[in-house]
Amino acid sequence: MLTNLANLLTLSRIAAIPLVIGAFYIEGPLGNWIGFGIYAAACITDFFDGYVARAWSQQSAVGRFLDPVADKLLVAALLLMLVATSRIPGVAVLPAVVILCREILVSGLREFLATAQVRVPVSKLAQWKTTVQMLALGFLLVGTAGPDFGPLSTTEVGVWGLWIAAILTLVTGYDYLRVGLHHVDRMDSDAAAARSQEHAGASRTPATTDVR
């Protein structure tokens, strides 16, 4: 059901996207902290929707579809806005590009494999990647409004986190691609074997003679 609590929590992450984007247009530190607050609330729902779904037996096909979509929409929107407003400075745009490309790759791979009823489970390393990525985006949202952490500013902490997330993204993206291509090769092999059996069966079918 779309209206159960687990799915409503997931939908709230999608609803949070325009609110976070709107916070970018609030001038001064207040806008940074408002955007961060909305984002932090959205991240909390990312944990609780899965917990509620398991604890209250609310797991559903709709939830399995919406959960990764909500995450990717939120991450993509934030990365684009952070780049557009120069909160991701200079060469730090590169890890943002890597993360976006990986999300598109994995989404396409999952969609293709779903047609064959093959599920690609989320690895522990991918979960760590998500955690580092979420923290990095939070630091970047606060940006210049935040305190310094020793020799590093809040923005620099976010940039370093983004680079670490991008490295983990490359590793986990390769793992997903390797597993996905294995299933694709197996699907091609099964299809080729089925065609061979059809041809073999057709060749063994005796010819019929019309006797009048």
Protein backbone atom coordinates (compact mmCIF):
# COMPACT_ATOMS: atom_id res chain seq x y z
CA MET A 1 0.00 0.00 0.00
CA LEU A 2 1.31 3.43 -0.93
CA THR A 3 -0.23 4.97 2.19
CA ASN A 4 1.40 2.77 4.83
CA LEU A 5 3.86 4.48 7.19
CA ALA A 6 7.01 3.03 5.60
CA ASN A 7 6.08 4.29 2.14
CA LEU A 8 4.95 7.66 3.49
CA LEU A 9 8.38 8.09 5.08
CA THR A 10 9.96 7.29 1.73
CA LEU A 11 7.69 9.73 -0.08
CA SER A 12 8.62 12.41 2.45
CA ARG A 13 12.19 12.31 1.10
CA ILE A 14 10.89 13.15 -2.36
CA ALA A 15 8.70 15.91 -0.89
CA ALA A 16 11.77 17.32 0.89
CA ILE A 17 13.59 17.95 -2.40
CA PRO A 18 11.84 21.22 -3.38
CA LEU A 19 12.12 22.41 0.22
CA VAL A 20 15.89 21.87 0.30
CA ILE A 21 16.23 23.54 -3.12
CA GLY A 22 14.19 26.48 -1.87
CA ALA A 23 16.56 26.89 1.08
CA PHE A 24 19.40 27.61 -1.35
CA TYR A 25 17.64 30.87 -2.22
CA ILE A 26 17.43 32.06 1.38
CA GLU A 27 20.31 34.45 1.86
CA GLY A 28 22.78 34.22 4.70
CA PRO A 29 23.63 31.43 7.14
CA LEU A 30 19.94 30.91 7.90
CA GLY A 31 19.38 29.38 4.47
CA ASN A 32 22.32 27.01 4.95
CA TRP A 33 21.01 25.76 8.27
CA ILE A 34 17.41 25.46 7.10
CA GLY A 35 18.54 23.40 4.11
CA PHE A 36 20.68 21.25 6.38
CA GLY A 37 17.79 20.71 8.81
CA ILE A 38 15.45 19.55 6.06
CA TYR A 39 18.14 17.31 4.62
CA ALA A 40 18.93 15.80 8.03
CA ALA A 41 15.25 14.98 8.55
CA ALA A 42 15.15 13.33 5.11
CA CYS A 43 18.22 11.24 5.98
CA ILE A 44 16.55 10.07 9.19
CA THR A 45 13.56 8.83 7.19
CA ASP A 46 15.99 6.80 5.06
CA PHE A 47 16.75 4.71 8.13
CA PHE A 48 13.29 4.56 9.62
CA ASP A 49 11.36 3.59 6.46
CA GLY A 50 13.31 0.35 6.20
CA TYR A 51 13.08 -0.30 9.93
CA VAL A 52 9.32 0.31 9.99
CA ALA A 53 8.79 -1.83 6.90
CA ARG A 54 10.57 -4.78 8.53
CA ALA A 55 9.19 -4.31 12.05
CA TRP A 56 5.58 -3.76 10.99
CA SER A 57 5.61 -6.17 8.02
CA GLN A 58 5.01 -3.31 5.57
CA GLN A 59 7.49 -4.46 2.95
CA SER A 60 6.07 -4.10 -0.54
CA ALA A 61 7.03 -3.91 -4.20
CA VAL A 62 6.10 -0.21 -4.16
CA GLY A 63 8.48 0.40 -1.27
CA ARG A 64 11.32 -1.48 -2.94
CA PHE A 65 10.79 0.70 -6.01
CA LEU A 66 10.40 4.03 -4.22
CA ASP A 67 13.23 3.75 -1.71
CA PRO A 68 16.21 3.82 -4.12
CA VAL A 69 14.41 6.30 -6.39
CA ALA A 70 13.89 8.74 -3.49
CA ASP A 71 17.54 8.44 -2.46
CA LYS A 72 18.84 9.06 -5.97
CA LEU A 73 16.52 12.00 -6.63
CA LEU A 74 17.60 13.67 -3.40
CA VAL A 75 21.31 13.10 -4.01
CA ALA A 76 21.14 14.24 -7.65
CA ALA A 77 19.19 17.40 -6.79
CA LEU A 78 21.60 18.32 -4.00
CA LEU A 79 24.72 17.74 -6.09
CA LEU A 80 23.38 19.87 -8.93
CA MET A 81 22.40 22.71 -6.59
CA LEU A 82 25.70 22.56 -4.69
CA VAL A 83 27.63 22.82 -7.96
CA ALA A 84 25.36 25.57 -9.29
CA THR A 85 25.86 27.68 -6.16
CA SER A 86 29.63 26.98 -6.02
CA ARG A 87 29.39 25.22 -2.65
CA ILE A 88 31.25 22.41 -4.39
CA PRO A 89 34.28 24.37 -5.55
CA GLY A 90 36.73 23.81 -8.41
CA VAL A 91 37.98 20.30 -9.07
CA ALA A 92 35.66 18.90 -6.37
CA VAL A 93 33.03 18.82 -9.12
CA LEU A 94 34.72 15.64 -10.39
CA PRO A 95 33.64 13.36 -7.50
CA ALA A 96 30.13 14.79 -7.86
CA VAL A 97 30.15 13.72 -11.53
CA VAL A 98 31.43 10.25 -10.57
CA ILE A 99 28.66 9.81 -8.00
CA LEU A 100 25.96 10.92 -10.45
CA CYS A 101 27.21 8.62 -13.21
CA ARG A 102 27.35 5.69 -10.83
CA GLU A 103 23.77 6.28 -9.69
CA ILE A 104 22.58 6.28 -13.30
CA LEU A 105 24.58 3.13 -14.08
CA VAL A 106 23.27 1.18 -11.10
CA SER A 107 19.69 2.34 -11.72
CA GLY A 108 19.83 1.20 -15.33
CA LEU A 109 21.40 -2.11 -14.33
CA ARG A 110 18.78 -2.77 -11.67
CA GLU A 111 15.96 -1.91 -14.07
CA PHE A 112 17.30 -4.29 -16.70
CA LEU A 113 17.86 -7.16 -14.26
CA ALA A 114 14.40 -6.63 -12.77
CA THR A 115 12.92 -7.75 -16.10
CA ALA A 116 14.66 -11.08 -15.51
CA GLN A 117 13.54 -11.15 -11.86
CA VAL A 118 17.13 -10.86 -10.67
CA ARG A 119 17.80 -8.74 -7.58
CA VAL A 120 21.21 -7.21 -6.88
CA PRO A 121 21.63 -6.95 -3.09
CA VAL A 122 23.19 -3.88 -1.48
CA SER A 123 26.69 -4.66 -0.21
CA LYS A 124 28.14 -3.52 3.12
CA LEU A 125 30.65 -1.33 1.27
CA ALA A 126 27.79 0.32 -0.62
CA GLN A 127 26.12 1.08 2.71
CA TRP A 128 29.34 2.72 3.92
CA LYS A 129 29.48 4.71 0.70
CA THR A 130 25.96 5.95 1.29
CA THR A 131 26.79 6.95 4.87
CA VAL A 132 29.94 8.88 3.87
CA GLN A 133 28.06 10.52 1.00
CA MET A 134 25.20 11.61 3.26
CA LEU A 135 27.61 13.14 5.78
CA ALA A 136 29.61 14.90 3.06
CA LEU A 137 26.48 16.45 1.56
CA GLY A 138 25.42 17.61 5.02
CA PHE A 139 28.73 19.41 5.58
CA LEU A 140 28.52 20.99 2.13
CA LEU A 141 24.98 22.19 2.79
CA VAL A 142 26.12 23.98 5.95
CA GLY A 143 29.15 25.34 4.08
CA THR A 144 30.48 28.70 5.22
CA ALA A 145 27.85 28.91 7.98
CA GLY A 146 29.54 26.10 9.89
CA PRO A 147 32.48 26.09 12.30
CA ASP A 148 36.06 25.08 11.54
CA PHE A 149 37.26 21.59 12.39
CA GLY A 150 40.89 22.17 13.23
CA PRO A 151 42.68 23.28 10.06
CA LEU A 152 39.67 22.39 7.89
CA SER A 153 36.55 24.45 7.31
CA THR A 154 33.12 22.84 7.15
CA THR A 155 33.21 23.04 3.34
CA GLU A 156 36.63 21.38 3.19
CA VAL A 157 35.42 18.54 5.41
CA GLY A 158 32.51 18.06 3.00
CA VAL A 159 34.81 18.11 -0.03
CA TRP A 160 37.11 15.48 1.49
CA GLY A 161 34.08 13.36 2.32
CA LEU A 162 32.87 13.73 -1.25
CA TRP A 163 36.20 12.46 -2.60
CA ILE A 164 36.09 9.45 -0.25
CA ALA A 165 32.49 8.75 -1.29
CA ALA A 166 33.52 8.96 -4.97
CA ILE A 167 36.30 6.39 -4.44
CA LEU A 168 33.88 4.04 -2.70
CA THR A 169 31.42 4.75 -5.50
CA LEU A 170 33.89 3.53 -8.12
CA VAL A 171 34.59 0.34 -6.16
CA THR A 172 30.94 -0.49 -5.48
CA GLY A 173 29.93 0.55 -9.00
CA TYR A 174 32.44 -1.91 -10.43
CA ASP A 175 31.13 -4.65 -8.13
CA TYR A 176 27.54 -4.04 -9.24
CA LEU A 177 28.59 -3.93 -12.89
CA ARG A 178 30.54 -7.19 -12.58
CA VAL A 179 27.63 -9.00 -10.93
CA GLY A 180 25.19 -7.49 -13.41
CA LEU A 181 27.22 -8.48 -16.46
CA HIS A 182 27.49 -12.02 -15.08
CA HIS A 183 23.70 -12.25 -15.02
CA VAL A 184 23.49 -10.68 -18.49
CA ASP A 185 25.94 -13.27 -19.89
CA ARG A 186 23.98 -16.06 -18.26
CA MET A 187 20.73 -14.71 -19.75
CA ASP A 188 22.35 -14.61 -23.20
CA SER A 189 23.66 -18.17 -22.75
CA ASP A 190 20.25 -19.43 -21.67
CA ALA A 191 18.62 -17.72 -24.66
CA ALA A 192 21.19 -19.21 -27.05
CA ALA A 193 20.67 -22.68 -25.54
CA ALA A 194 16.90 -22.33 -25.92
CA ARG A 195 17.28 -21.34 -29.58
CA SER A 196 19.58 -24.32 -30.18
CA GLN A 197 17.04 -26.69 -28.66
CA GLU A 198 14.29 -25.21 -30.83
CA HIS A 199 16.37 -25.69 -33.97
CA ALA A 200 17.32 -29.21 -32.92
CA GLY A 201 13.69 -30.07 -32.26
CA ALA A 202 12.64 -28.67 -35.62
CA SER A 203 15.28 -30.71 -37.45
CA ARG A 204 14.12 -33.93 -35.75
CA THR A 205 10.46 -33.36 -36.72
CA PRO A 206 9.65 -35.85 -39.53
CA ALA A 207 8.33 -34.48 -42.77
CA THR A 208 4.68 -35.27 -43.46
CA THR A 209 3.36 -36.53 -46.76
CA ASP A 210 -0.08 -35.69 -47.96
CA VAL A 211 -1.54 -39.09 -48.99
CA ARG A 212 -4.64 -38.89 -51.13
